[in-house]
Amino acid sequence: MFDACIGSVCGFAGQVNPVSGDANNIWKNTACASQNSVTAPKRDDIPTTYLETQGWMLCDGRKLKVSAYPELCAALGYLYGGASDDFCIPDYRGLFLRGNDAGSGMDPDAASRIGPTGSGTDNGVGSYQCDALQTHTHTYKAVVLATVSQSGNAAGQASGDLETSVQECLSLRT
């Protein structure tokens, strides 16, 4: 892969091992929890990359020993959970990464983000935002000159750009 600061995250467009397949339970008690999560099967027609041998780890929320990864713990601390001898890495499976507002004022919902461990509110790194593309309606008025005026509601589901899935990986060493 490439050299990066410890704790850096990047997308990897390949099949990785290990993949725990455990559900992301950090957000399970929030209003935006997934109801239909399934683990993708390993495909034999796609090469498998063992990220940890290259200094990277899948961002799957697992708990690690501080003694085994002291530099990574120094970079992340207990931001994503854990205490004392154990710390957690972020679980970014199935999520879109969003830039932190960092006081720019560009994110009108910054103060209402969910904290990195799934509780409370937080506008910092690791905070969580529910789906912003929800079903909604728009009120409209259409006027056709010299005839009938119309009004009503238009309903729809917003859809985003085309998407592709990548594995989010965390740098373990420089």
N, C-alpha and C. Protein backbone atom coordinates (compact mmCIF):
# COMPACT_ATOMS: atom_id res chain seq x y z
N MET A 1 0.87 -1.16 0.00
CA MET A 1 0.00 0.00 0.00
C MET A 1 0.91 1.22 0.00
N PHE A 2 0.80 2.15 0.94
CA PHE A 2 1.65 3.33 0.95
C PHE A 2 1.89 3.76 2.39
N ASP A 3 2.90 4.60 2.59
CA ASP A 3 3.18 5.11 3.92
C ASP A 3 2.14 6.17 4.29
N ALA A 4 1.69 6.14 5.52
CA ALA A 4 0.71 7.11 5.99
C ALA A 4 0.90 7.28 7.49
N CYS A 5 0.37 8.35 8.03
CA CYS A 5 0.40 8.56 9.48
C CYS A 5 -0.41 7.47 10.17
N ILE A 6 0.04 7.06 11.34
CA ILE A 6 -0.71 6.07 12.11
C ILE A 6 -2.08 6.64 12.42
N GLY A 7 -3.12 5.86 12.19
CA GLY A 7 -4.49 6.30 12.41
C GLY A 7 -5.14 6.88 11.17
N SER A 8 -4.38 7.00 10.06
CA SER A 8 -4.97 7.47 8.80
C SER A 8 -5.97 6.45 8.29
N VAL A 9 -6.98 6.91 7.59
CA VAL A 9 -7.99 6.03 7.01
C VAL A 9 -8.00 6.24 5.51
N CYS A 10 -8.09 5.15 4.77
CA CYS A 10 -8.23 5.25 3.32
C CYS A 10 -9.16 4.14 2.84
N GLY A 11 -9.72 4.34 1.67
CA GLY A 11 -10.55 3.31 1.06
C GLY A 11 -9.69 2.32 0.31
N PHE A 12 -10.06 1.06 0.33
CA PHE A 12 -9.36 0.01 -0.39
C PHE A 12 -10.38 -0.73 -1.25
N ALA A 13 -10.17 -0.76 -2.54
CA ALA A 13 -11.15 -1.31 -3.46
C ALA A 13 -10.88 -2.78 -3.77
N GLY A 14 -10.60 -3.56 -2.77
CA GLY A 14 -10.36 -4.99 -2.97
C GLY A 14 -10.98 -5.80 -1.85
N GLN A 15 -10.92 -7.09 -1.98
CA GLN A 15 -11.44 -8.00 -0.95
C GLN A 15 -10.37 -8.18 0.12
N VAL A 16 -10.75 -8.04 1.37
CA VAL A 16 -9.77 -8.13 2.45
C VAL A 16 -10.07 -9.30 3.38
N ASN A 17 -9.05 -9.71 4.10
CA ASN A 17 -9.18 -10.75 5.10
C ASN A 17 -8.39 -10.26 6.31
N PRO A 18 -8.82 -10.38 7.53
CA PRO A 18 -10.09 -11.00 7.91
C PRO A 18 -11.24 -10.01 7.82
N VAL A 19 -12.42 -10.54 7.63
CA VAL A 19 -13.66 -9.77 7.74
C VAL A 19 -14.49 -10.49 8.78
N SER A 20 -14.76 -9.81 9.87
CA SER A 20 -15.42 -10.48 11.00
C SER A 20 -16.87 -10.85 10.70
N GLY A 21 -17.57 -10.02 9.95
CA GLY A 21 -18.98 -10.29 9.69
C GLY A 21 -19.87 -9.96 10.87
N ASP A 22 -19.27 -9.52 11.99
CA ASP A 22 -20.08 -9.12 13.15
C ASP A 22 -20.84 -7.85 12.81
N ALA A 23 -22.04 -7.74 13.32
CA ALA A 23 -22.85 -6.55 13.09
C ALA A 23 -22.22 -5.34 13.75
N ASN A 24 -22.40 -4.18 13.14
CA ASN A 24 -21.98 -2.92 13.75
C ASN A 24 -23.03 -2.56 14.78
N ASN A 25 -22.74 -2.80 16.05
CA ASN A 25 -23.70 -2.56 17.11
C ASN A 25 -23.56 -1.19 17.76
N ILE A 26 -22.62 -0.38 17.29
CA ILE A 26 -22.43 0.94 17.87
C ILE A 26 -23.68 1.79 17.71
N TRP A 27 -24.31 1.70 16.55
CA TRP A 27 -25.45 2.58 16.24
C TRP A 27 -26.79 1.88 16.41
N LYS A 28 -26.82 0.66 16.95
CA LYS A 28 -28.06 -0.12 17.00
C LYS A 28 -29.18 0.53 17.78
N ASN A 29 -28.88 1.39 18.73
CA ASN A 29 -29.92 2.04 19.52
C ASN A 29 -30.24 3.44 19.03
N THR A 30 -29.80 3.78 17.83
CA THR A 30 -30.09 5.10 17.27
C THR A 30 -31.23 5.00 16.27
N ALA A 31 -31.79 6.15 15.94
CA ALA A 31 -32.92 6.18 14.99
C ALA A 31 -32.51 5.77 13.59
N CYS A 32 -31.23 5.74 13.31
CA CYS A 32 -30.80 5.45 11.94
C CYS A 32 -30.10 4.10 11.81
N ALA A 33 -30.39 3.17 12.69
CA ALA A 33 -29.77 1.84 12.63
C ALA A 33 -30.28 1.06 11.43
N SER A 34 -29.40 0.27 10.83
CA SER A 34 -29.76 -0.57 9.70
C SER A 34 -30.59 -1.75 10.18
N GLN A 35 -31.56 -2.13 9.40
CA GLN A 35 -32.42 -3.26 9.75
C GLN A 35 -32.13 -4.51 8.93
N ASN A 36 -31.40 -4.35 7.83
CA ASN A 36 -31.26 -5.46 6.89
C ASN A 36 -29.81 -5.76 6.53
N SER A 37 -28.94 -5.75 7.48
CA SER A 37 -27.52 -5.95 7.21
C SER A 37 -27.21 -7.43 6.98
N VAL A 38 -26.44 -7.68 5.94
CA VAL A 38 -25.97 -9.04 5.65
C VAL A 38 -24.50 -8.99 5.27
N THR A 39 -23.76 -10.01 5.61
CA THR A 39 -22.35 -10.09 5.28
C THR A 39 -22.19 -10.58 3.85
N ALA A 40 -21.38 -9.86 3.08
CA ALA A 40 -21.12 -10.28 1.70
C ALA A 40 -20.26 -11.53 1.72
N PRO A 41 -20.56 -12.50 0.88
CA PRO A 41 -19.75 -13.71 0.85
C PRO A 41 -18.38 -13.45 0.23
N LYS A 42 -17.39 -14.21 0.66
CA LYS A 42 -16.05 -14.14 0.06
C LYS A 42 -16.15 -14.68 -1.35
N ARG A 43 -15.55 -13.95 -2.29
CA ARG A 43 -15.60 -14.36 -3.69
C ARG A 43 -14.26 -14.94 -4.11
N ASP A 44 -14.28 -16.12 -4.68
CA ASP A 44 -13.06 -16.79 -5.11
C ASP A 44 -12.46 -16.17 -6.38
N ASP A 45 -13.26 -15.40 -7.13
CA ASP A 45 -12.76 -14.80 -8.37
C ASP A 45 -12.09 -13.44 -8.14
N ILE A 46 -12.02 -12.98 -6.88
CA ILE A 46 -11.37 -11.71 -6.54
C ILE A 46 -10.20 -12.00 -5.60
N PRO A 47 -9.02 -11.46 -5.89
CA PRO A 47 -7.87 -11.70 -5.00
C PRO A 47 -8.17 -11.19 -3.58
N THR A 48 -7.63 -11.87 -2.60
CA THR A 48 -7.80 -11.47 -1.20
C THR A 48 -6.51 -10.82 -0.71
N THR A 49 -6.65 -9.65 -0.08
CA THR A 49 -5.50 -8.94 0.46
C THR A 49 -5.49 -9.07 1.98
N TYR A 50 -4.32 -9.38 2.53
CA TYR A 50 -4.16 -9.48 3.98
C TYR A 50 -3.55 -8.16 4.44
N LEU A 51 -4.41 -7.20 4.75
CA LEU A 51 -4.00 -5.83 5.04
C LEU A 51 -3.04 -5.72 6.21
N GLU A 52 -3.25 -6.51 7.25
CA GLU A 52 -2.44 -6.36 8.45
C GLU A 52 -0.97 -6.67 8.22
N THR A 53 -0.67 -7.51 7.24
CA THR A 53 0.73 -7.78 6.93
C THR A 53 1.38 -6.58 6.25
N GLN A 54 0.57 -5.65 5.78
CA GLN A 54 1.07 -4.46 5.11
C GLN A 54 0.90 -3.21 5.97
N GLY A 55 0.54 -3.40 7.25
CA GLY A 55 0.43 -2.26 8.15
C GLY A 55 -0.91 -1.57 8.16
N TRP A 56 -1.96 -2.25 7.69
CA TRP A 56 -3.30 -1.67 7.65
C TRP A 56 -4.28 -2.64 8.31
N MET A 57 -5.42 -2.13 8.73
CA MET A 57 -6.44 -2.96 9.39
C MET A 57 -7.81 -2.47 8.94
N LEU A 58 -8.72 -3.39 8.70
CA LEU A 58 -10.08 -3.04 8.33
C LEU A 58 -10.75 -2.29 9.49
N CYS A 59 -11.42 -1.19 9.18
CA CYS A 59 -12.14 -0.41 10.21
C CYS A 59 -13.45 -1.12 10.52
N ASP A 60 -13.37 -2.14 11.37
CA ASP A 60 -14.55 -2.96 11.68
C ASP A 60 -14.96 -2.89 13.14
N GLY A 61 -14.45 -1.92 13.88
CA GLY A 61 -14.89 -1.69 15.25
C GLY A 61 -14.33 -2.64 16.29
N ARG A 62 -13.36 -3.47 15.92
CA ARG A 62 -12.88 -4.47 16.88
C ARG A 62 -12.13 -3.83 18.04
N LYS A 63 -12.06 -4.57 19.12
CA LYS A 63 -11.34 -4.17 20.32
C LYS A 63 -9.92 -4.71 20.22
N LEU A 64 -8.94 -3.86 20.54
CA LEU A 64 -7.53 -4.25 20.47
C LEU A 64 -6.87 -4.03 21.83
N LYS A 65 -5.78 -4.74 22.06
CA LYS A 65 -4.99 -4.57 23.28
C LYS A 65 -4.06 -3.37 23.10
N VAL A 66 -4.04 -2.49 24.09
CA VAL A 66 -3.13 -1.35 24.06
C VAL A 66 -1.69 -1.82 23.95
N SER A 67 -1.34 -2.89 24.65
CA SER A 67 0.04 -3.39 24.63
C SER A 67 0.46 -3.90 23.26
N ALA A 68 -0.49 -4.37 22.44
CA ALA A 68 -0.17 -4.87 21.11
C ALA A 68 -0.08 -3.74 20.08
N TYR A 69 -0.79 -2.65 20.28
CA TYR A 69 -0.84 -1.55 19.33
C TYR A 69 -0.69 -0.21 20.06
N PRO A 70 0.42 0.02 20.76
CA PRO A 70 0.55 1.23 21.56
C PRO A 70 0.55 2.51 20.72
N GLU A 71 1.15 2.50 19.53
CA GLU A 71 1.17 3.70 18.70
C GLU A 71 -0.22 4.04 18.17
N LEU A 72 -0.97 3.03 17.76
CA LEU A 72 -2.33 3.26 17.28
C LEU A 72 -3.21 3.76 18.42
N CYS A 73 -3.05 3.18 19.61
CA CYS A 73 -3.83 3.65 20.76
C CYS A 73 -3.47 5.10 21.10
N ALA A 74 -2.19 5.46 20.95
CA ALA A 74 -1.78 6.84 21.20
C ALA A 74 -2.45 7.80 20.22
N ALA A 75 -2.70 7.35 18.98
CA ALA A 75 -3.34 8.19 17.98
C ALA A 75 -4.86 8.27 18.17
N LEU A 76 -5.50 7.16 18.55
CA LEU A 76 -6.95 7.11 18.66
C LEU A 76 -7.46 7.31 20.08
N GLY A 77 -6.68 6.87 21.05
CA GLY A 77 -7.15 6.88 22.44
C GLY A 77 -8.37 5.98 22.58
N TYR A 78 -9.32 6.44 23.37
CA TYR A 78 -10.54 5.66 23.62
C TYR A 78 -11.74 6.32 22.93
N LEU A 79 -11.46 7.08 21.87
CA LEU A 79 -12.50 7.80 21.14
C LEU A 79 -13.63 6.88 20.69
N TYR A 80 -13.29 5.66 20.26
CA TYR A 80 -14.30 4.73 19.74
C TYR A 80 -14.68 3.65 20.75
N GLY A 81 -14.31 3.84 21.99
CA GLY A 81 -14.68 2.90 23.04
C GLY A 81 -13.47 2.19 23.63
N GLY A 82 -13.74 1.39 24.64
CA GLY A 82 -12.68 0.68 25.34
C GLY A 82 -12.30 1.42 26.61
N ALA A 83 -11.40 0.83 27.37
CA ALA A 83 -10.91 1.43 28.61
C ALA A 83 -9.71 0.63 29.07
N SER A 84 -8.85 1.26 29.82
CA SER A 84 -7.72 0.61 30.45
C SER A 84 -6.83 -0.11 29.44
N ASP A 85 -6.86 -1.44 29.40
CA ASP A 85 -5.97 -2.24 28.55
C ASP A 85 -6.48 -2.44 27.12
N ASP A 86 -7.73 -2.07 26.85
CA ASP A 86 -8.33 -2.29 25.54
C ASP A 86 -8.83 -0.98 24.95
N PHE A 87 -8.71 -0.83 23.64
CA PHE A 87 -9.31 0.30 22.94
C PHE A 87 -9.97 -0.23 21.67
N CYS A 88 -10.87 0.54 21.11
CA CYS A 88 -11.59 0.12 19.90
C CYS A 88 -11.17 0.97 18.72
N ILE A 89 -11.15 0.34 17.55
CA ILE A 89 -10.94 1.08 16.32
C ILE A 89 -12.32 1.44 15.76
N PRO A 90 -12.39 2.42 14.87
CA PRO A 90 -13.70 2.80 14.34
C PRO A 90 -14.32 1.69 13.49
N ASP A 91 -15.63 1.70 13.41
CA ASP A 91 -16.35 0.76 12.55
C ASP A 91 -17.00 1.58 11.43
N TYR A 92 -16.36 1.59 10.28
CA TYR A 92 -16.85 2.38 9.16
C TYR A 92 -17.54 1.53 8.10
N ARG A 93 -17.80 0.26 8.41
CA ARG A 93 -18.45 -0.61 7.43
C ARG A 93 -19.83 -0.08 7.09
N GLY A 94 -20.10 0.07 5.80
CA GLY A 94 -21.42 0.49 5.33
C GLY A 94 -21.70 1.98 5.49
N LEU A 95 -20.70 2.77 5.87
CA LEU A 95 -20.91 4.20 6.09
C LEU A 95 -20.19 5.03 5.04
N PHE A 96 -20.70 6.22 4.78
CA PHE A 96 -20.00 7.21 3.97
C PHE A 96 -19.20 8.06 4.93
N LEU A 97 -17.95 8.33 4.60
CA LEU A 97 -17.15 9.21 5.44
C LEU A 97 -17.47 10.66 5.07
N ARG A 98 -17.58 11.50 6.09
CA ARG A 98 -17.95 12.90 5.93
C ARG A 98 -16.87 13.74 6.59
N GLY A 99 -16.47 14.82 5.94
CA GLY A 99 -15.49 15.72 6.53
C GLY A 99 -16.05 16.38 7.78
N ASN A 100 -15.21 16.53 8.79
CA ASN A 100 -15.60 17.18 10.04
C ASN A 100 -15.76 18.68 9.79
N ASP A 101 -16.81 19.28 10.33
CA ASP A 101 -17.07 20.71 10.17
C ASP A 101 -15.92 21.55 10.72
N ALA A 102 -15.33 21.13 11.83
CA ALA A 102 -14.17 21.80 12.43
C ALA A 102 -14.34 23.31 12.56
N GLY A 103 -15.57 23.74 12.88
CA GLY A 103 -15.82 25.15 13.11
C GLY A 103 -16.01 25.97 11.86
N SER A 104 -16.10 25.35 10.67
CA SER A 104 -16.21 26.09 9.42
C SER A 104 -17.58 26.73 9.24
N GLY A 105 -18.60 26.19 9.94
CA GLY A 105 -19.96 26.69 9.77
C GLY A 105 -20.65 26.17 8.52
N MET A 106 -20.05 25.21 7.82
CA MET A 106 -20.62 24.66 6.59
C MET A 106 -21.64 23.56 6.85
N ASP A 107 -21.65 23.01 8.04
CA ASP A 107 -22.54 21.89 8.36
C ASP A 107 -23.63 22.38 9.31
N PRO A 108 -24.84 22.64 8.80
CA PRO A 108 -25.90 23.18 9.66
C PRO A 108 -26.36 22.22 10.76
N ASP A 109 -26.06 20.93 10.63
CA ASP A 109 -26.48 19.95 11.63
C ASP A 109 -25.34 19.49 12.52
N ALA A 110 -24.22 20.20 12.52
CA ALA A 110 -23.03 19.77 13.25
C ALA A 110 -23.32 19.52 14.73
N ALA A 111 -24.14 20.33 15.35
CA ALA A 111 -24.39 20.21 16.79
C ALA A 111 -25.28 19.01 17.13
N SER A 112 -25.88 18.37 16.14
CA SER A 112 -26.79 17.26 16.43
C SER A 112 -26.24 15.89 16.05
N ARG A 113 -24.94 15.79 15.78
CA ARG A 113 -24.34 14.50 15.44
C ARG A 113 -24.31 13.57 16.65
N ILE A 114 -24.34 12.27 16.38
CA ILE A 114 -24.27 11.25 17.43
C ILE A 114 -22.79 10.98 17.74
N GLY A 115 -22.45 10.82 19.00
CA GLY A 115 -21.07 10.59 19.41
C GLY A 115 -20.49 9.31 18.85
N PRO A 116 -19.16 9.19 18.79
CA PRO A 116 -18.48 8.05 18.18
C PRO A 116 -18.77 6.70 18.82
N THR A 117 -19.22 6.68 20.06
CA THR A 117 -19.55 5.41 20.70
C THR A 117 -21.05 5.10 20.64
N GLY A 118 -21.82 5.93 19.89
CA GLY A 118 -23.24 5.67 19.69
C GLY A 118 -24.15 6.35 20.67
N SER A 119 -23.62 7.20 21.55
CA SER A 119 -24.49 7.90 22.50
C SER A 119 -24.07 9.36 22.61
N GLY A 120 -25.00 10.18 23.08
CA GLY A 120 -24.73 11.60 23.25
C GLY A 120 -24.59 12.31 21.91
N THR A 121 -24.31 13.59 21.97
CA THR A 121 -24.08 14.37 20.75
C THR A 121 -22.63 14.84 20.73
N ASP A 122 -22.10 14.94 19.53
CA ASP A 122 -20.70 15.30 19.36
C ASP A 122 -20.49 15.80 17.94
N ASN A 123 -19.73 16.85 17.79
CA ASN A 123 -19.42 17.38 16.47
C ASN A 123 -17.98 17.07 16.09
N GLY A 124 -17.32 16.17 16.80
CA GLY A 124 -15.92 15.89 16.54
C GLY A 124 -15.70 14.74 15.57
N VAL A 125 -14.43 14.40 15.42
CA VAL A 125 -14.04 13.27 14.59
C VAL A 125 -14.74 12.01 15.11
N GLY A 126 -15.28 11.21 14.22
CA GLY A 126 -15.96 9.97 14.60
C GLY A 126 -17.44 10.14 14.87
N SER A 127 -17.95 11.38 14.85
CA SER A 127 -19.39 11.56 15.09
C SER A 127 -20.16 10.97 13.91
N TYR A 128 -21.43 10.69 14.14
CA TYR A 128 -22.25 9.95 13.19
C TYR A 128 -23.46 10.77 12.78
N GLN A 129 -23.81 10.71 11.49
CA GLN A 129 -24.97 11.41 10.95
C GLN A 129 -25.90 10.39 10.33
N CYS A 130 -27.18 10.45 10.68
CA CYS A 130 -28.15 9.57 10.04
C CYS A 130 -28.30 9.93 8.57
N ASP A 131 -28.96 9.08 7.83
CA ASP A 131 -29.23 9.27 6.42
C ASP A 131 -29.83 10.66 6.18
N ALA A 132 -29.19 11.45 5.36
CA ALA A 132 -29.70 12.78 5.05
C ALA A 132 -30.59 12.77 3.81
N LEU A 133 -30.71 11.63 3.13
CA LEU A 133 -31.53 11.54 1.92
C LEU A 133 -32.79 10.76 2.23
N GLN A 134 -33.67 11.37 2.99
CA GLN A 134 -34.87 10.69 3.46
C GLN A 134 -36.07 11.08 2.62
N THR A 135 -37.15 10.30 2.71
CA THR A 135 -38.39 10.61 2.04
C THR A 135 -38.88 11.97 2.53
N HIS A 136 -39.33 12.80 1.61
CA HIS A 136 -39.76 14.14 1.99
C HIS A 136 -40.75 14.68 0.97
N THR A 137 -41.38 15.80 1.27
CA THR A 137 -42.30 16.45 0.35
C THR A 137 -41.91 17.91 0.17
N HIS A 138 -42.32 18.47 -0.95
CA HIS A 138 -42.12 19.89 -1.24
C HIS A 138 -43.49 20.48 -1.60
N THR A 139 -43.83 21.61 -1.01
CA THR A 139 -45.04 22.31 -1.39
C THR A 139 -44.72 23.17 -2.60
N TYR A 140 -45.64 23.22 -3.55
CA TYR A 140 -45.39 24.00 -4.75
C TYR A 140 -46.65 24.71 -5.20
N LYS A 141 -46.47 25.74 -5.97
CA LYS A 141 -47.57 26.44 -6.64
C LYS A 141 -47.15 26.64 -8.08
N ALA A 142 -47.99 26.17 -8.98
CA ALA A 142 -47.71 26.32 -10.41
C ALA A 142 -48.77 27.24 -10.99
N VAL A 143 -48.38 28.21 -11.73
CA VAL A 143 -49.31 29.15 -12.34
C VAL A 143 -49.16 29.06 -13.85
N VAL A 144 -50.25 28.79 -14.51
CA VAL A 144 -50.27 28.80 -15.97
C VAL A 144 -50.98 30.10 -16.35
N LEU A 145 -50.31 30.95 -17.06
CA LEU A 145 -50.85 32.26 -17.38
C LEU A 145 -52.19 32.18 -18.09
N ALA A 146 -53.13 33.01 -17.67
CA ALA A 146 -54.46 33.15 -18.26
C ALA A 146 -55.32 31.90 -18.15
N THR A 147 -54.96 30.94 -17.29
CA THR A 147 -55.82 29.76 -17.08
C THR A 147 -55.85 29.42 -15.60
N VAL A 148 -55.76 28.14 -15.28
CA VAL A 148 -55.93 27.64 -13.92
C VAL A 148 -54.64 27.72 -13.11
N SER A 149 -54.75 28.08 -11.85
CA SER A 149 -53.60 28.05 -10.94
C SER A 149 -53.66 26.75 -10.16
N GLN A 150 -52.53 26.11 -9.96
CA GLN A 150 -52.49 24.83 -9.26
C GLN A 150 -51.60 24.92 -8.04
N SER A 151 -51.91 24.09 -7.05
CA SER A 151 -51.03 23.97 -5.89
C SER A 151 -51.17 22.54 -5.37
N GLY A 152 -50.22 22.12 -4.52
CA GLY A 152 -50.28 20.77 -3.97
C GLY A 152 -48.97 20.38 -3.35
N ASN A 153 -48.79 19.08 -3.17
CA ASN A 153 -47.55 18.54 -2.61
C ASN A 153 -46.93 17.56 -3.59
N ALA A 154 -45.64 17.61 -3.69
CA ALA A 154 -44.90 16.64 -4.50
C ALA A 154 -44.08 15.79 -3.54
N ALA A 155 -44.17 14.50 -3.66
CA ALA A 155 -43.44 13.62 -2.76
C ALA A 155 -42.39 12.86 -3.54
N GLY A 156 -41.36 12.44 -2.83
CA GLY A 156 -40.33 11.65 -3.49
C GLY A 156 -39.26 11.23 -2.52
N GLN A 157 -38.37 10.45 -3.02
CA GLN A 157 -37.21 10.03 -2.23
C GLN A 157 -35.99 10.56 -2.95
N ALA A 158 -35.20 11.36 -2.25
CA ALA A 158 -34.00 11.90 -2.86
C ALA A 158 -33.01 10.77 -3.09
N SER A 159 -32.29 10.86 -4.15
CA SER A 159 -31.25 9.86 -4.36
C SER A 159 -29.94 10.57 -4.65
N GLY A 160 -28.87 9.98 -4.19
CA GLY A 160 -27.55 10.60 -4.34
C GLY A 160 -26.89 10.18 -5.64
N ASP A 161 -25.64 10.47 -5.73
CA ASP A 161 -24.85 10.09 -6.88
C ASP A 161 -24.69 8.58 -6.92
N LEU A 162 -24.19 8.07 -8.02
CA LEU A 162 -23.87 6.66 -8.11
C LEU A 162 -22.81 6.34 -7.06
N GLU A 163 -22.86 5.18 -6.51
CA GLU A 163 -21.97 4.83 -5.42
C GLU A 163 -21.23 3.53 -5.71
N THR A 164 -20.10 3.36 -5.07
CA THR A 164 -19.38 2.10 -5.12
C THR A 164 -18.92 1.79 -3.71
N SER A 165 -18.70 0.54 -3.44
CA SER A 165 -18.33 0.12 -2.10
C SER A 165 -16.83 -0.13 -2.02
N VAL A 166 -16.20 0.39 -0.97
CA VAL A 166 -14.79 0.13 -0.70
C VAL A 166 -14.65 -0.27 0.76
N GLN A 167 -13.54 -0.88 1.10
CA GLN A 167 -13.23 -1.21 2.49
C GLN A 167 -12.49 -0.02 3.09
N GLU A 168 -12.90 0.46 4.26
CA GLU A 168 -12.19 1.54 4.93
C GLU A 168 -11.12 0.91 5.81
N CYS A 169 -9.87 1.32 5.63
CA CYS A 169 -8.73 0.72 6.31
C CYS A 169 -7.99 1.75 7.14
N LEU A 170 -7.39 1.31 8.22
CA LEU A 170 -6.71 2.16 9.19
C LEU A 170 -5.23 1.82 9.19
N SER A 171 -4.37 2.84 9.17
CA SER A 171 -2.93 2.63 9.17
C SER A 171 -2.44 2.27 10.58
N LEU A 172 -1.70 1.16 10.67
CA LEU A 172 -1.17 0.69 11.97
C LEU A 172 0.22 1.20 12.24
N ARG A 173 0.96 1.53 11.20
CA ARG A 173 2.33 1.98 11.37
C ARG A 173 2.71 2.91 10.23
N THR A 174 3.80 3.64 10.41
CA THR A 174 4.24 4.57 9.35
C THR A 174 5.23 3.87 8.45
